[in-house]
Amino acid sequence: RKNTAFLWRHRFLRAMAAHQATREEGIVEVDETFLLESFKGQRGLPRPARHRGGKGRTRGTGPDYIPVMVVQDRAGHHADFQLEKMNAETVIAVLKPLVSPDAVLCSDGAGVYASFSKVQGVTHQVVRNRQGERVMGAYHIQHVNGYHHRLKEWMVRFHGVATHYLRNYLGWRRMLERYGKGVNIKACLHEALGHPMQHVIGT
């Protein structure tokens, strides 16, 4: 039945969503993207319904949008977080246990990352501080920005993902990134049972 399949899908996805990096070192990239808030499948919406994804009432960083922060080091260790608020307090709480004190944090000019770096004493390299400036030697955020693009492109097929289940879909996408073309039924079952394949445990 449809509802049973849906519940089992999200039971598996919740397990997959727990598998991500818990420590990142060296050059660490961080940047946020915003996904449209969705009450898909819920009754009593606080606003008029949108059809097949739709558009928000505000621009891409307004209250209709949910911030997702993506963090990745050059070893490929990846983590992402659906945030309640995109502010310094929230970002510091999330990054503090993840980013090694001796890392070099690369970000755009957003003040929340400068605040984290100052509080934690982490070296901070700002890119995109000036128009057209995207790479400063080894310092850039192209890996996380590329991931943002792939994530959003992949999510189009769902015609809007309920915000309540967004973390599950983020975990699903991380799994696809980890395995690449090597993803198969065996890998999916290992992930769903809480036993990711040995070569991807760190990510």
N, C-alpha and C. Protein backbone atom coordinates (compact mmCIF):
# COMPACT_ATOMS: atom_id res chain seq x y z
N ARG A 1 0.83 -1.19 0.00
CA ARG A 1 0.00 0.00 0.00
C ARG A 1 0.87 1.25 0.00
N LYS A 2 0.30 2.33 -0.54
CA LYS A 2 1.08 3.56 -0.71
C LYS A 2 1.60 4.09 0.61
N ASN A 3 0.74 4.18 1.63
CA ASN A 3 1.16 4.73 2.91
C ASN A 3 2.22 3.87 3.58
N THR A 4 2.07 2.55 3.46
CA THR A 4 3.05 1.63 4.04
C THR A 4 4.41 1.81 3.37
N ALA A 5 4.43 1.91 2.05
CA ALA A 5 5.68 2.12 1.32
C ALA A 5 6.33 3.43 1.73
N PHE A 6 5.52 4.47 1.90
CA PHE A 6 6.04 5.77 2.31
C PHE A 6 6.69 5.69 3.69
N LEU A 7 6.03 5.03 4.63
CA LEU A 7 6.56 4.92 5.99
C LEU A 7 7.86 4.13 6.01
N TRP A 8 7.92 3.05 5.23
CA TRP A 8 9.15 2.26 5.18
C TRP A 8 10.27 3.04 4.52
N ARG A 9 9.94 3.79 3.49
CA ARG A 9 10.97 4.61 2.83
C ARG A 9 11.63 5.54 3.85
N HIS A 10 10.83 6.21 4.65
CA HIS A 10 11.39 7.17 5.59
C HIS A 10 12.04 6.50 6.80
N ARG A 11 11.62 5.29 7.11
CA ARG A 11 12.33 4.55 8.16
C ARG A 11 13.75 4.25 7.71
N PHE A 12 13.92 3.83 6.47
CA PHE A 12 15.25 3.59 5.92
C PHE A 12 16.04 4.89 5.80
N LEU A 13 15.38 5.94 5.31
CA LEU A 13 16.08 7.21 5.11
C LEU A 13 16.55 7.83 6.41
N ARG A 14 15.79 7.66 7.48
CA ARG A 14 16.22 8.19 8.78
C ARG A 14 17.53 7.54 9.22
N ALA A 15 17.67 6.25 8.95
CA ALA A 15 18.92 5.57 9.30
C ALA A 15 20.07 6.09 8.46
N MET A 16 19.84 6.27 7.16
CA MET A 16 20.88 6.80 6.27
C MET A 16 21.29 8.21 6.68
N ALA A 17 20.33 9.00 7.14
CA ALA A 17 20.60 10.40 7.46
C ALA A 17 21.58 10.57 8.61
N ALA A 18 21.76 9.51 9.41
CA ALA A 18 22.68 9.60 10.54
C ALA A 18 24.14 9.45 10.13
N HIS A 19 24.39 9.06 8.89
CA HIS A 19 25.75 8.78 8.45
C HIS A 19 26.36 10.00 7.76
N GLN A 20 27.18 10.72 8.51
CA GLN A 20 27.92 11.83 7.92
C GLN A 20 29.16 12.09 8.77
N ALA A 21 30.04 12.92 8.27
CA ALA A 21 31.29 13.19 8.96
C ALA A 21 31.04 13.79 10.35
N THR A 22 31.86 13.40 11.31
CA THR A 22 31.78 13.96 12.66
C THR A 22 33.00 14.81 12.98
N ARG A 23 33.99 14.81 12.09
CA ARG A 23 35.19 15.63 12.28
C ARG A 23 35.76 15.99 10.92
N GLU A 24 36.13 17.27 10.75
CA GLU A 24 36.72 17.72 9.50
C GLU A 24 37.99 18.51 9.80
N GLU A 25 39.01 18.28 8.98
CA GLU A 25 40.34 18.83 9.25
C GLU A 25 40.94 19.43 7.99
N GLY A 26 42.09 20.09 8.15
CA GLY A 26 42.78 20.68 7.01
C GLY A 26 42.00 21.87 6.48
N ILE A 27 41.90 21.97 5.16
CA ILE A 27 41.10 23.03 4.55
C ILE A 27 39.64 22.57 4.55
N VAL A 28 38.81 23.34 5.21
CA VAL A 28 37.39 22.99 5.37
C VAL A 28 36.53 24.07 4.71
N GLU A 29 35.70 23.67 3.78
CA GLU A 29 34.80 24.60 3.10
C GLU A 29 33.44 24.60 3.79
N VAL A 30 32.83 25.77 3.87
CA VAL A 30 31.48 25.87 4.43
C VAL A 30 30.69 26.93 3.68
N ASP A 31 29.45 26.64 3.40
CA ASP A 31 28.55 27.62 2.78
C ASP A 31 27.12 27.12 2.98
N GLU A 32 26.20 28.04 2.92
CA GLU A 32 24.80 27.68 3.10
C GLU A 32 24.03 27.85 1.81
N THR A 33 22.96 27.09 1.70
CA THR A 33 22.00 27.27 0.63
C THR A 33 20.62 27.28 1.27
N PHE A 34 19.60 27.64 0.49
CA PHE A 34 18.26 27.76 1.06
C PHE A 34 17.27 26.97 0.21
N LEU A 35 16.44 26.20 0.88
CA LEU A 35 15.43 25.38 0.22
C LEU A 35 14.04 25.84 0.66
N LEU A 36 13.12 25.85 -0.27
CA LEU A 36 11.78 26.35 -0.01
C LEU A 36 11.06 25.52 1.05
N GLU A 37 10.56 26.20 2.07
CA GLU A 37 9.79 25.52 3.10
C GLU A 37 8.56 24.87 2.49
N SER A 38 8.24 23.67 2.95
CA SER A 38 7.10 22.94 2.38
C SER A 38 6.32 22.23 3.48
N PHE A 39 5.00 22.36 3.42
CA PHE A 39 4.11 21.63 4.32
C PHE A 39 3.41 20.50 3.57
N LYS A 40 4.08 19.98 2.56
CA LYS A 40 3.52 18.93 1.71
C LYS A 40 2.99 17.77 2.57
N GLY A 41 1.76 17.36 2.28
CA GLY A 41 1.17 16.23 2.99
C GLY A 41 0.49 16.59 4.30
N GLN A 42 0.58 17.86 4.72
CA GLN A 42 -0.02 18.27 5.99
C GLN A 42 -1.34 18.99 5.75
N ARG A 43 -2.19 18.93 6.76
CA ARG A 43 -3.47 19.63 6.70
C ARG A 43 -3.38 20.91 7.52
N GLY A 44 -4.29 21.83 7.27
CA GLY A 44 -4.31 23.07 8.04
C GLY A 44 -3.08 23.92 7.79
N LEU A 45 -2.77 24.18 6.52
CA LEU A 45 -1.58 24.94 6.17
C LEU A 45 -1.67 26.37 6.67
N PRO A 46 -0.53 26.95 7.10
CA PRO A 46 -0.53 28.34 7.57
C PRO A 46 -0.51 29.36 6.43
N ARG A 47 -0.61 28.87 5.18
CA ARG A 47 -0.60 29.74 4.00
C ARG A 47 -1.31 28.99 2.88
N PRO A 48 -1.68 29.68 1.78
CA PRO A 48 -2.30 28.99 0.64
C PRO A 48 -1.37 27.91 0.08
N ALA A 49 -1.94 26.82 -0.38
CA ALA A 49 -1.14 25.71 -0.91
C ALA A 49 -0.42 26.12 -2.19
N ARG A 50 0.80 25.56 -2.37
CA ARG A 50 1.52 25.71 -3.63
C ARG A 50 1.37 24.41 -4.39
N HIS A 51 1.50 24.48 -5.71
CA HIS A 51 1.32 23.28 -6.52
C HIS A 51 2.65 22.85 -7.15
N ARG A 52 2.98 21.55 -6.97
CA ARG A 52 4.18 20.94 -7.56
C ARG A 52 5.42 21.77 -7.27
N GLY A 53 5.66 22.00 -5.99
CA GLY A 53 6.86 22.73 -5.59
C GLY A 53 6.57 24.20 -5.42
N GLY A 54 6.22 24.90 -6.51
CA GLY A 54 5.83 26.30 -6.44
C GLY A 54 6.98 27.22 -6.06
N LYS A 55 6.62 28.45 -5.74
CA LYS A 55 7.59 29.46 -5.36
C LYS A 55 7.16 30.09 -4.05
N GLY A 56 8.14 30.62 -3.31
CA GLY A 56 7.84 31.26 -2.05
C GLY A 56 7.32 32.67 -2.23
N ARG A 57 6.80 33.21 -1.12
CA ARG A 57 6.31 34.58 -1.14
C ARG A 57 7.44 35.58 -1.01
N THR A 58 8.59 35.11 -0.53
CA THR A 58 9.74 35.97 -0.34
C THR A 58 10.89 35.49 -1.22
N ARG A 59 11.96 36.27 -1.26
CA ARG A 59 13.13 35.89 -2.06
C ARG A 59 13.85 34.73 -1.40
N GLY A 60 14.86 34.20 -2.09
CA GLY A 60 15.49 32.95 -1.71
C GLY A 60 16.09 32.82 -0.34
N THR A 61 16.25 33.89 0.42
CA THR A 61 16.78 33.78 1.78
C THR A 61 15.76 34.27 2.81
N GLY A 62 14.51 34.44 2.40
CA GLY A 62 13.48 34.96 3.29
C GLY A 62 12.89 33.89 4.20
N PRO A 63 11.87 34.25 4.97
CA PRO A 63 11.28 33.32 5.94
C PRO A 63 10.60 32.10 5.32
N ASP A 64 10.34 32.12 4.02
CA ASP A 64 9.76 30.95 3.35
C ASP A 64 10.81 29.89 3.03
N TYR A 65 12.06 30.16 3.36
CA TYR A 65 13.16 29.27 2.96
C TYR A 65 13.91 28.73 4.18
N ILE A 66 14.34 27.48 4.07
CA ILE A 66 15.04 26.78 5.15
C ILE A 66 16.54 26.76 4.84
N PRO A 67 17.39 27.24 5.77
CA PRO A 67 18.83 27.21 5.53
C PRO A 67 19.41 25.80 5.72
N VAL A 68 20.24 25.41 4.78
CA VAL A 68 20.98 24.15 4.87
C VAL A 68 22.46 24.48 4.74
N MET A 69 23.23 24.19 5.76
CA MET A 69 24.66 24.49 5.77
C MET A 69 25.44 23.23 5.41
N VAL A 70 26.33 23.36 4.44
CA VAL A 70 27.13 22.23 3.95
C VAL A 70 28.59 22.47 4.31
N VAL A 71 29.24 21.43 4.85
CA VAL A 71 30.63 21.51 5.30
C VAL A 71 31.39 20.33 4.71
N GLN A 72 32.55 20.60 4.10
CA GLN A 72 33.32 19.52 3.50
C GLN A 72 34.80 19.86 3.52
N ASP A 73 35.63 18.89 3.92
CA ASP A 73 37.07 19.12 3.86
C ASP A 73 37.64 18.49 2.59
N ARG A 74 38.93 18.69 2.37
CA ARG A 74 39.53 18.26 1.11
C ARG A 74 39.76 16.75 1.05
N ALA A 75 39.56 16.07 2.18
CA ALA A 75 39.62 14.61 2.17
C ALA A 75 38.28 14.02 1.76
N GLY A 76 37.29 14.89 1.54
CA GLY A 76 35.98 14.44 1.10
C GLY A 76 35.00 14.17 2.22
N HIS A 77 35.42 14.42 3.47
CA HIS A 77 34.50 14.24 4.59
C HIS A 77 33.42 15.32 4.52
N HIS A 78 32.17 14.89 4.56
CA HIS A 78 31.05 15.78 4.25
C HIS A 78 30.01 15.71 5.35
N ALA A 79 29.45 16.88 5.69
CA ALA A 79 28.33 16.95 6.62
C ALA A 79 27.43 18.09 6.18
N ASP A 80 26.14 17.94 6.43
CA ASP A 80 25.23 19.06 6.15
C ASP A 80 24.17 19.12 7.24
N PHE A 81 23.61 20.30 7.41
CA PHE A 81 22.73 20.55 8.55
C PHE A 81 21.55 21.43 8.14
N GLN A 82 20.37 20.98 8.45
CA GLN A 82 19.18 21.81 8.31
C GLN A 82 19.11 22.68 9.57
N LEU A 83 19.18 23.99 9.40
CA LEU A 83 19.26 24.90 10.54
C LEU A 83 17.90 25.54 10.83
N GLU A 84 17.66 25.79 12.10
CA GLU A 84 16.46 26.53 12.48
C GLU A 84 16.61 28.00 12.10
N LYS A 85 17.80 28.53 12.36
CA LYS A 85 18.10 29.92 12.04
C LYS A 85 19.52 30.02 11.52
N MET A 86 19.72 30.94 10.59
CA MET A 86 21.07 31.17 10.07
C MET A 86 21.68 32.34 10.84
N ASN A 87 22.06 32.05 12.10
CA ASN A 87 22.67 33.09 12.92
C ASN A 87 23.93 32.54 13.59
N ALA A 88 24.70 33.44 14.21
CA ALA A 88 25.99 33.05 14.76
C ALA A 88 25.85 31.99 15.84
N GLU A 89 24.88 32.12 16.71
CA GLU A 89 24.70 31.16 17.80
C GLU A 89 24.47 29.75 17.27
N THR A 90 23.61 29.62 16.28
CA THR A 90 23.31 28.31 15.71
C THR A 90 24.53 27.73 14.98
N VAL A 91 25.18 28.56 14.17
CA VAL A 91 26.33 28.10 13.39
C VAL A 91 27.48 27.67 14.31
N ILE A 92 27.75 28.43 15.35
CA ILE A 92 28.81 28.08 16.29
C ILE A 92 28.51 26.74 16.96
N ALA A 93 27.27 26.54 17.39
CA ALA A 93 26.90 25.29 18.06
C ALA A 93 27.07 24.08 17.15
N VAL A 94 26.80 24.25 15.85
CA VAL A 94 26.91 23.13 14.90
C VAL A 94 28.36 22.87 14.51
N LEU A 95 29.12 23.93 14.25
CA LEU A 95 30.48 23.75 13.75
C LEU A 95 31.50 23.42 14.84
N LYS A 96 31.23 23.81 16.06
CA LYS A 96 32.21 23.62 17.15
C LYS A 96 32.68 22.18 17.29
N PRO A 97 31.80 21.19 17.36
CA PRO A 97 32.29 19.81 17.49
C PRO A 97 32.79 19.20 16.19
N LEU A 98 32.53 19.86 15.07
CA LEU A 98 32.84 19.28 13.75
C LEU A 98 34.20 19.71 13.22
N VAL A 99 34.51 21.00 13.31
CA VAL A 99 35.70 21.56 12.67
C VAL A 99 36.88 21.53 13.63
N SER A 100 37.97 20.91 13.20
CA SER A 100 39.18 20.82 14.01
C SER A 100 39.74 22.21 14.31
N PRO A 101 40.27 22.42 15.52
CA PRO A 101 40.81 23.74 15.88
C PRO A 101 41.95 24.21 14.98
N ASP A 102 42.68 23.26 14.38
CA ASP A 102 43.81 23.65 13.52
C ASP A 102 43.43 23.68 12.04
N ALA A 103 42.14 23.62 11.75
CA ALA A 103 41.68 23.69 10.35
C ALA A 103 41.77 25.12 9.83
N VAL A 104 41.72 25.24 8.50
CA VAL A 104 41.55 26.54 7.84
C VAL A 104 40.14 26.54 7.26
N LEU A 105 39.29 27.41 7.79
CA LEU A 105 37.90 27.46 7.36
C LEU A 105 37.75 28.42 6.20
N CYS A 106 37.24 27.94 5.07
CA CYS A 106 37.01 28.77 3.89
C CYS A 106 35.51 29.05 3.78
N SER A 107 35.17 30.32 3.64
CA SER A 107 33.76 30.68 3.50
C SER A 107 33.66 31.95 2.68
N ASP A 108 32.41 32.33 2.36
CA ASP A 108 32.19 33.64 1.76
C ASP A 108 32.26 34.68 2.88
N GLY A 109 31.80 35.87 2.62
CA GLY A 109 31.94 36.94 3.60
C GLY A 109 30.89 36.97 4.68
N ALA A 110 30.08 35.93 4.81
CA ALA A 110 29.01 35.91 5.82
C ALA A 110 29.59 36.04 7.23
N GLY A 111 29.03 36.94 8.01
CA GLY A 111 29.55 37.22 9.34
C GLY A 111 29.45 36.06 10.31
N VAL A 112 28.52 35.13 10.09
CA VAL A 112 28.35 34.01 11.02
C VAL A 112 29.60 33.13 11.06
N TYR A 113 30.28 32.99 9.92
CA TYR A 113 31.48 32.15 9.88
C TYR A 113 32.67 32.88 10.50
N ALA A 114 32.72 34.18 10.33
CA ALA A 114 33.75 34.98 10.99
C ALA A 114 33.57 34.90 12.50
N SER A 115 32.33 34.92 12.97
CA SER A 115 32.05 34.83 14.41
C SER A 115 32.51 33.49 14.96
N PHE A 116 32.21 32.41 14.24
CA PHE A 116 32.65 31.08 14.68
C PHE A 116 34.17 31.02 14.77
N SER A 117 34.84 31.49 13.73
CA SER A 117 36.30 31.43 13.68
C SER A 117 36.93 32.22 14.81
N LYS A 118 36.36 33.36 15.12
CA LYS A 118 36.88 34.20 16.20
C LYS A 118 36.70 33.53 17.55
N VAL A 119 35.52 32.99 17.79
CA VAL A 119 35.23 32.34 19.06
C VAL A 119 36.09 31.11 19.27
N GLN A 120 36.30 30.33 18.21
CA GLN A 120 37.03 29.06 18.31
C GLN A 120 38.52 29.19 18.04
N GLY A 121 38.96 30.35 17.57
CA GLY A 121 40.36 30.53 17.25
C GLY A 121 40.79 29.78 16.01
N VAL A 122 39.86 29.55 15.10
CA VAL A 122 40.14 28.83 13.85
C VAL A 122 40.58 29.83 12.78
N THR A 123 41.60 29.48 12.01
CA THR A 123 42.02 30.32 10.89
C THR A 123 40.90 30.42 9.88
N HIS A 124 40.61 31.64 9.45
CA HIS A 124 39.47 31.87 8.56
C HIS A 124 39.94 32.52 7.27
N GLN A 125 39.67 31.89 6.15
CA GLN A 125 40.03 32.43 4.84
C GLN A 125 38.74 32.79 4.10
N VAL A 126 38.55 34.07 3.84
CA VAL A 126 37.34 34.54 3.17
C VAL A 126 37.57 34.57 1.66
N VAL A 127 36.68 33.95 0.91
CA VAL A 127 36.68 34.04 -0.55
C VAL A 127 35.37 34.68 -0.97
N ARG A 128 35.31 35.13 -2.19
CA ARG A 128 34.13 35.85 -2.69
C ARG A 128 33.88 37.14 -1.89
N ASN A 129 34.91 37.67 -1.30
CA ASN A 129 34.73 38.91 -0.56
C ASN A 129 34.59 40.10 -1.50
N ARG A 130 35.17 39.95 -2.69
CA ARG A 130 35.04 40.98 -3.72
C ARG A 130 34.37 40.35 -4.93
N GLN A 131 33.66 41.14 -5.68
CA GLN A 131 32.92 40.64 -6.84
C GLN A 131 33.86 39.93 -7.82
N GLY A 132 33.50 38.70 -8.18
CA GLY A 132 34.29 37.93 -9.14
C GLY A 132 35.41 37.13 -8.51
N GLU A 133 35.69 37.34 -7.22
CA GLU A 133 36.77 36.62 -6.55
C GLU A 133 36.23 35.30 -6.00
N ARG A 134 36.64 34.20 -6.58
CA ARG A 134 36.12 32.90 -6.17
C ARG A 134 37.19 31.94 -5.68
N VAL A 135 38.43 32.13 -6.10
CA VAL A 135 39.51 31.23 -5.74
C VAL A 135 40.72 32.05 -5.30
N MET A 136 41.31 31.66 -4.18
CA MET A 136 42.55 32.28 -3.69
C MET A 136 43.54 31.16 -3.44
N GLY A 137 44.25 30.76 -4.50
CA GLY A 137 45.16 29.63 -4.39
C GLY A 137 44.38 28.37 -4.08
N ALA A 138 44.73 27.72 -2.96
CA ALA A 138 44.04 26.49 -2.56
C ALA A 138 42.73 26.78 -1.85
N TYR A 139 42.46 28.04 -1.59
CA TYR A 139 41.30 28.40 -0.78
C TYR A 139 40.11 28.77 -1.66
N HIS A 140 39.06 28.01 -1.55
CA HIS A 140 37.82 28.29 -2.28
C HIS A 140 36.70 27.48 -1.65
N ILE A 141 35.49 27.67 -2.13
CA ILE A 141 34.33 26.90 -1.63
C ILE A 141 33.60 26.25 -2.81
N GLN A 142 34.36 25.89 -3.83
CA GLN A 142 33.75 25.34 -5.04
C GLN A 142 33.17 23.94 -4.83
N HIS A 143 33.76 23.16 -3.92
CA HIS A 143 33.22 21.82 -3.67
C HIS A 143 31.82 21.90 -3.04
N VAL A 144 31.66 22.75 -2.03
CA VAL A 144 30.34 22.84 -1.40
C VAL A 144 29.33 23.52 -2.32
N ASN A 145 29.78 24.49 -3.10
CA ASN A 145 28.85 25.13 -4.03
C ASN A 145 28.42 24.16 -5.13
N GLY A 146 29.34 23.31 -5.58
CA GLY A 146 28.98 22.28 -6.54
C GLY A 146 27.96 21.31 -5.96
N TYR A 147 28.14 20.98 -4.69
CA TYR A 147 27.19 20.09 -4.02
C TYR A 147 25.81 20.74 -3.93
N HIS A 148 25.77 22.04 -3.61
CA HIS A 148 24.49 22.75 -3.58
C HIS A 148 23.75 22.57 -4.91
N HIS A 149 24.48 22.75 -6.00
CA HIS A 149 23.87 22.65 -7.33
C HIS A 149 23.33 21.25 -7.59
N ARG A 150 24.13 20.23 -7.27
CA ARG A 150 23.70 18.84 -7.50
C ARG A 150 22.50 18.49 -6.62
N LEU A 151 22.52 18.95 -5.38
CA LEU A 151 21.42 18.68 -4.46
C LEU A 151 20.11 19.25 -4.99
N LYS A 152 20.13 20.51 -5.39
CA LYS A 152 18.91 21.16 -5.85
C LYS A 152 18.42 20.55 -7.16
N GLU A 153 19.35 20.23 -8.05
CA GLU A 153 18.98 19.61 -9.32
C GLU A 153 18.32 18.26 -9.07
N TRP A 154 18.86 17.49 -8.14
CA TRP A 154 18.32 16.16 -7.82
C TRP A 154 16.94 16.27 -7.18
N MET A 155 16.73 17.28 -6.34
CA MET A 155 15.47 17.40 -5.60
C MET A 155 14.31 17.88 -6.46
N VAL A 156 14.60 18.40 -7.65
CA VAL A 156 13.53 18.86 -8.55
C VAL A 156 12.54 17.74 -8.83
N ARG A 157 13.03 16.51 -8.94
CA ARG A 157 12.17 15.37 -9.31
C ARG A 157 11.07 15.10 -8.29
N PHE A 158 11.25 15.59 -7.05
CA PHE A 158 10.26 15.31 -6.01
C PHE A 158 9.15 16.36 -5.96
N HIS A 159 9.27 17.41 -6.78
CA HIS A 159 8.25 18.46 -6.85
C HIS A 159 7.91 19.02 -5.47
N GLY A 160 8.95 19.27 -4.71
CA GLY A 160 8.77 19.80 -3.36
C GLY A 160 8.89 18.70 -2.32
N VAL A 161 9.79 18.89 -1.35
CA VAL A 161 10.00 17.94 -0.26
C VAL A 161 9.48 18.56 1.03
N ALA A 162 8.65 17.84 1.75
CA ALA A 162 8.14 18.35 3.02
C ALA A 162 9.30 18.66 3.96
N THR A 163 9.31 19.85 4.53
CA THR A 163 10.40 20.26 5.41
C THR A 163 10.55 19.27 6.57
N HIS A 164 9.46 18.69 7.01
CA HIS A 164 9.49 17.71 8.10
C HIS A 164 10.41 16.53 7.77
N TYR A 165 10.52 16.20 6.48
CA TYR A 165 11.33 15.06 6.05
C TYR A 165 12.63 15.49 5.36
N LEU A 166 12.95 16.77 5.39
CA LEU A 166 14.10 17.26 4.63
C LEU A 166 15.40 16.59 5.04
N ARG A 167 15.62 16.38 6.33
CA ARG A 167 16.86 15.73 6.79
C ARG A 167 17.02 14.34 6.17
N ASN A 168 15.91 13.65 5.99
CA ASN A 168 15.98 12.32 5.37
C ASN A 168 16.48 12.41 3.94
N TYR A 169 15.99 13.39 3.20
CA TYR A 169 16.42 13.55 1.81
C TYR A 169 17.87 14.02 1.72
N LEU A 170 18.29 14.85 2.66
CA LEU A 170 19.70 15.25 2.69
C LEU A 170 20.59 14.03 2.90
N GLY A 171 20.16 13.14 3.79
CA GLY A 171 20.93 11.91 4.01
C GLY A 171 20.95 11.01 2.79
N TRP A 172 19.84 10.94 2.09
CA TRP A 172 19.75 10.15 0.86
C TRP A 172 20.73 10.68 -0.16
N ARG A 173 20.77 11.99 -0.33
CA ARG A 173 21.69 12.59 -1.31
C ARG A 173 23.14 12.36 -0.91
N ARG A 174 23.44 12.47 0.40
CA ARG A 174 24.82 12.20 0.85
C ARG A 174 25.23 10.79 0.50
N MET A 175 24.32 9.83 0.67
CA MET A 175 24.64 8.45 0.35
C MET A 175 24.97 8.30 -1.13
N LEU A 176 24.17 8.92 -2.00
CA LEU A 176 24.42 8.85 -3.44
C LEU A 176 25.77 9.46 -3.78
N GLU A 177 26.14 10.54 -3.10
CA GLU A 177 27.44 11.18 -3.34
C GLU A 177 28.58 10.27 -2.89
N ARG A 178 28.40 9.62 -1.75
CA ARG A 178 29.46 8.76 -1.22
C ARG A 178 29.79 7.61 -2.16
N TYR A 179 28.77 6.95 -2.66
CA TYR A 179 28.97 5.74 -3.46
C TYR A 179 29.12 6.03 -4.95
N GLY A 180 28.58 7.15 -5.41
CA GLY A 180 28.67 7.47 -6.83
C GLY A 180 28.06 6.37 -7.68
N LYS A 181 28.76 5.97 -8.71
CA LYS A 181 28.26 4.92 -9.60
C LYS A 181 28.28 3.54 -8.94
N GLY A 182 28.93 3.45 -7.78
CA GLY A 182 29.00 2.17 -7.09
C GLY A 182 27.81 1.87 -6.20
N VAL A 183 26.83 2.77 -6.18
CA VAL A 183 25.66 2.54 -5.34
C VAL A 183 24.85 1.36 -5.88
N ASN A 184 24.41 0.49 -4.98
CA ASN A 184 23.61 -0.68 -5.38
C ASN A 184 22.71 -1.08 -4.22
N ILE A 185 21.92 -2.12 -4.41
CA ILE A 185 20.97 -2.54 -3.38
C ILE A 185 21.70 -2.94 -2.10
N LYS A 186 22.82 -3.63 -2.22
CA LYS A 186 23.58 -4.06 -1.04
C LYS A 186 24.03 -2.86 -0.23
N ALA A 187 24.55 -1.84 -0.91
CA ALA A 187 25.01 -0.64 -0.21
C ALA A 187 23.85 0.05 0.51
N CYS A 188 22.71 0.13 -0.17
CA CYS A 188 21.53 0.78 0.43
C CYS A 188 21.07 0.03 1.68
N LEU A 189 21.08 -1.30 1.62
CA LEU A 189 20.65 -2.09 2.77
C LEU A 189 21.61 -1.93 3.94
N HIS A 190 22.92 -1.91 3.66
CA HIS A 190 23.90 -1.68 4.72
C HIS A 190 23.66 -0.33 5.39
N GLU A 191 23.43 0.69 4.58
CA GLU A 191 23.18 2.03 5.11
C GLU A 191 21.91 2.04 5.97
N ALA A 192 20.85 1.45 5.45
CA ALA A 192 19.57 1.46 6.14
C ALA A 192 19.61 0.71 7.47
N LEU A 193 20.48 -0.31 7.55
CA LEU A 193 20.62 -1.10 8.77
C LEU A 193 21.62 -0.50 9.73
N GLY A 194 22.17 0.67 9.36
CA GLY A 194 23.10 1.35 10.25
C GLY A 194 24.53 0.87 10.13
N HIS A 195 24.85 0.21 9.02
CA HIS A 195 26.21 -0.32 8.82
C HIS A 195 26.73 0.11 7.45
N PRO A 196 27.14 1.38 7.31
CA PRO A 196 27.67 1.82 6.01
C PRO A 196 28.92 1.05 5.66
N MET A 197 29.15 0.88 4.36
CA MET A 197 30.32 0.14 3.91
C MET A 197 31.59 0.78 4.46
N GLN A 198 32.60 -0.03 4.75
CA GLN A 198 33.79 0.41 5.47
C GLN A 198 34.45 1.64 4.85
N HIS A 199 34.51 1.72 3.52
CA HIS A 199 35.26 2.80 2.88
C HIS A 199 34.55 4.15 2.96
N VAL A 200 33.32 4.18 3.46
CA VAL A 200 32.62 5.47 3.52
C VAL A 200 32.23 5.87 4.94
N ILE A 201 32.68 5.11 5.94
CA ILE A 201 32.27 5.40 7.31
C ILE A 201 32.66 6.82 7.71
N GLY A 202 33.81 7.30 7.25
CA GLY A 202 34.28 8.63 7.64
C GLY A 202 33.47 9.76 7.07
N THR A 203 32.58 9.50 6.12
CA THR A 203 31.86 10.59 5.47
C THR A 203 30.38 10.47 5.69
